[in-house]
């Protein structure tokens, strides 16, 4: 396991887990959201986004998180492991809600100067609304999508506790490690 993609519905903790895996494996971590969301919440041009994914996944070791279909053919083809955070909707709902409130109140910068706002929290592509539009669809489609990449080892984690246990199993040094809360 040297080239890992972490997927899951919005707010499931993809970036948090991906960072922890990268630290355990001592490889770089890449976040697709950071490449996609330019300043002012502008979406990166397709060629620019695909070039970022291509460049990041060219080396022999990395961990990348994100569900972007527009570069799946690059990342999934190069990965050896697909980690799927397949948590219950109510778990993800509370994670998205508390994360959004924490980010809005704390004025936390996300990517390229962007911050979540209360106004943005009700837009059609806001994480809370996105969760309801995509959670069950991803749950239905992901097994078939993964089957299209038979070289991938699929690790399906169904709860934060299961993810934490799996992460600890990656190395003996990680025995006492706990997965930080997503943020």
Protein backbone atom coordinates (compact mmCIF):
# COMPACT_ATOMS: atom_id res chain seq x y z
CA UNK A 1 0.00 0.00 0.00
CA UNK A 2 1.86 3.06 -1.30
CA UNK A 3 -0.67 4.88 -3.51
CA UNK A 4 -3.93 5.40 -1.66
CA UNK A 5 -7.14 7.25 -2.46
CA UNK A 6 -9.59 8.03 0.34
CA UNK A 7 -13.18 8.54 -0.75
CA UNK A 8 -16.49 9.05 1.04
CA UNK A 9 -19.39 11.42 1.12
CA UNK A 10 -18.85 15.05 2.00
CA UNK A 11 -17.95 15.50 5.66
CA UNK A 12 -17.08 11.87 6.31
CA UNK A 13 -13.51 12.70 7.29
CA UNK A 14 -11.63 11.91 4.07
CA UNK A 15 -8.96 14.57 4.52
CA UNK A 16 -8.43 13.82 8.19
CA UNK A 17 -7.97 10.10 7.54
CA UNK A 18 -5.87 10.69 4.41
CA UNK A 19 -3.47 12.93 6.34
CA UNK A 20 -3.13 10.29 9.05
CA UNK A 21 -2.49 7.51 6.50
CA UNK A 22 0.10 9.66 4.71
CA UNK A 23 1.87 10.30 8.01
CA UNK A 24 1.93 6.54 8.79
CA UNK A 25 3.22 5.67 5.33
CA UNK A 26 5.57 8.67 5.24
CA UNK A 27 4.33 9.79 1.83
CA UNK A 28 2.82 13.10 0.63
CA UNK A 29 -0.86 13.91 1.08
CA UNK A 30 -2.91 15.65 -1.61
CA UNK A 31 -6.38 17.12 -1.23
CA UNK A 32 -8.44 17.38 -4.40
CA UNK A 33 -10.60 20.15 -2.90
CA UNK A 34 -7.53 22.38 -2.65
CA UNK A 35 -6.84 21.93 -6.37
CA UNK A 36 -10.48 22.44 -7.36
CA UNK A 37 -11.44 25.51 -5.28
CA UNK A 38 -9.55 28.54 -6.53
CA UNK A 39 -9.78 31.95 -4.79
CA UNK A 40 -13.32 33.30 -4.63
CA UNK A 41 -14.72 29.74 -4.76
CA UNK A 42 -14.01 29.61 -8.49
CA UNK A 43 -13.76 26.10 -9.89
CA UNK A 44 -10.41 25.24 -11.43
CA UNK A 45 -10.45 24.74 -15.19
CA UNK A 46 -10.67 21.05 -16.05
CA UNK A 47 -7.20 20.91 -17.60
CA UNK A 48 -5.61 22.59 -14.59
CA UNK A 49 -7.34 20.24 -12.13
CA UNK A 50 -6.43 17.12 -14.10
CA UNK A 51 -2.82 18.33 -14.40
CA UNK A 52 -2.63 18.73 -10.61
CA UNK A 53 -3.94 15.19 -10.06
CA UNK A 54 -1.61 13.85 -12.76
CA UNK A 55 1.46 15.52 -11.25
CA UNK A 56 0.62 14.48 -7.70
CA UNK A 57 -0.04 10.83 -8.56
CA UNK A 58 3.02 10.36 -10.80
CA UNK A 59 5.46 9.38 -7.97
CA UNK A 60 5.51 5.94 -6.38
CA UNK A 61 4.02 6.91 -3.02
CA UNK A 62 1.15 9.23 -2.02
CA UNK A 63 -2.24 9.49 -0.33
CA UNK A 64 -4.94 11.58 -1.98
CA UNK A 65 -8.48 12.31 -0.87
CA UNK A 66 -11.51 13.30 -2.90
CA UNK A 67 -14.42 12.05 -4.97
CA UNK A 68 -13.93 14.10 -8.11
CA UNK A 69 -15.08 12.15 -11.16
CA UNK A 70 -13.28 14.51 -13.53
CA UNK A 71 -9.91 12.93 -12.72
CA UNK A 72 -10.94 9.52 -11.41
CA UNK A 73 -9.42 7.88 -14.47
CA UNK A 74 -6.01 9.23 -13.46
CA UNK A 75 -5.98 8.69 -9.70
CA UNK A 76 -7.81 5.39 -9.52
CA UNK A 77 -5.73 3.92 -12.34
CA UNK A 78 -2.50 4.77 -10.48
CA UNK A 79 -3.65 3.90 -6.96
CA UNK A 80 -3.15 0.51 -5.38
CA UNK A 81 -5.64 1.03 -2.53
CA UNK A 82 -9.06 2.64 -2.31
CA UNK A 83 -10.22 3.47 1.22
CA UNK A 84 -13.98 4.10 1.29
CA UNK A 85 -15.50 5.86 4.29
CA UNK A 86 -19.02 4.46 4.05
CA UNK A 87 -20.59 5.84 7.21
CA UNK A 88 -24.28 6.03 8.07
CA UNK A 89 -26.00 9.22 6.91
CA UNK A 90 -26.75 10.38 10.47
CA UNK A 91 -23.06 10.14 11.41
CA UNK A 92 -22.03 12.19 8.41
CA UNK A 93 -24.89 14.67 8.89
CA UNK A 94 -23.69 15.58 12.39
CA UNK A 95 -20.08 15.77 11.22
CA UNK A 96 -20.99 18.12 8.35
CA UNK A 97 -23.21 20.28 10.56
CA UNK A 98 -20.69 20.69 13.37
CA UNK A 99 -17.82 21.21 10.92
CA UNK A 100 -19.77 23.88 9.05
CA UNK A 101 -20.67 25.71 12.26
CA UNK A 102 -17.06 25.52 13.50
CA UNK A 103 -15.75 26.84 10.19
CA UNK A 104 -18.29 29.69 9.95
CA UNK A 105 -17.92 30.84 13.56
CA UNK A 106 -14.13 30.48 13.51
CA UNK A 107 -13.79 32.04 10.04
CA UNK A 108 -11.46 29.16 9.19
CA UNK A 109 -9.65 29.48 5.86
CA UNK A 110 -10.10 26.36 3.77
CA UNK A 111 -8.35 26.55 0.40
CA UNK A 112 -6.88 29.50 -1.44
CA UNK A 113 -8.39 32.10 0.88
CA UNK A 114 -11.91 30.63 0.80
CA UNK A 115 -14.06 30.51 3.91
CA UNK A 116 -17.48 29.01 4.59
CA UNK A 117 -20.26 31.51 5.35
CA UNK A 118 -23.82 31.21 6.59
CA UNK A 119 -25.03 32.41 3.18
CA UNK A 120 -22.91 29.78 1.46
CA UNK A 121 -24.20 27.09 3.83
CA UNK A 122 -27.64 27.20 2.19
CA UNK A 123 -26.51 27.20 -1.44
CA UNK A 124 -27.24 24.19 -3.65
CA UNK A 125 -23.63 22.95 -3.58
CA UNK A 126 -23.12 23.54 0.16
CA UNK A 127 -21.84 20.47 2.04
CA UNK A 128 -25.03 19.88 4.03
CA UNK A 129 -27.23 19.93 0.92
CA UNK A 130 -24.61 18.01 -1.06
CA UNK A 131 -24.73 15.25 1.55
CA UNK A 132 -28.44 14.70 0.96
CA UNK A 133 -27.99 14.76 -2.81
CA UNK A 134 -25.09 12.31 -2.97
CA UNK A 135 -24.84 10.05 0.10
CA UNK A 136 -27.16 7.24 -0.98
CA UNK A 137 -26.16 7.51 -4.64
CA UNK A 138 -22.48 7.05 -3.75
CA UNK A 139 -23.35 4.11 -1.54
CA UNK A 140 -25.09 2.41 -4.48
CA UNK A 141 -22.53 3.29 -7.16
CA UNK A 142 -19.15 2.89 -5.43
CA UNK A 143 -18.97 -0.93 -5.45
CA UNK A 144 -19.54 -0.99 -9.22
CA UNK A 145 -17.08 1.83 -9.84
CA UNK A 146 -14.42 0.07 -7.77
CA UNK A 147 -15.04 -3.16 -9.68
CA UNK A 148 -14.00 -1.28 -12.82
CA UNK A 149 -10.51 -0.98 -11.30
CA UNK A 150 -9.79 -4.61 -10.34
CA UNK A 151 -6.17 -3.86 -9.40
CA UNK A 152 -7.35 -1.77 -6.41
CA UNK A 153 -7.56 -3.18 -2.93
CA UNK A 154 -10.89 -1.86 -1.60
CA UNK A 155 -11.04 -1.11 2.12
CA UNK A 156 -14.60 -0.24 3.13
CA UNK A 157 -14.84 1.34 6.56
CA UNK A 158 -18.39 1.64 7.92
CA UNK A 159 -17.85 3.64 11.10
CA UNK A 160 -15.38 6.08 12.64
CA UNK A 161 -14.45 3.38 15.18
CA UNK A 162 -13.69 0.93 12.39
CA UNK A 163 -11.58 3.58 10.61
CA UNK A 164 -9.68 4.29 13.80
CA UNK A 165 -8.93 0.60 14.34
CA UNK A 166 -7.84 0.14 10.75
CA UNK A 167 -5.54 3.16 10.97
CA UNK A 168 -3.92 1.80 14.14
CA UNK A 169 -3.29 -1.48 12.33
CA UNK A 170 -1.15 0.19 9.66
CA UNK A 171 1.99 0.12 11.77
CA UNK A 172 3.10 -1.06 15.20
CA UNK A 173 4.10 2.51 16.03
CA UNK A 174 0.50 3.56 15.52
CA UNK A 175 -0.82 1.31 18.31
CA UNK A 176 -1.63 4.18 20.63
CA UNK A 177 -2.59 6.67 17.94
CA UNK A 178 -6.13 7.99 17.75
CA UNK A 179 -7.68 9.46 14.65
CA UNK A 180 -8.16 13.20 15.23
CA UNK A 181 -11.67 14.61 14.85
CA UNK A 182 -12.30 15.80 11.30
CA UNK A 183 -12.09 19.54 10.97
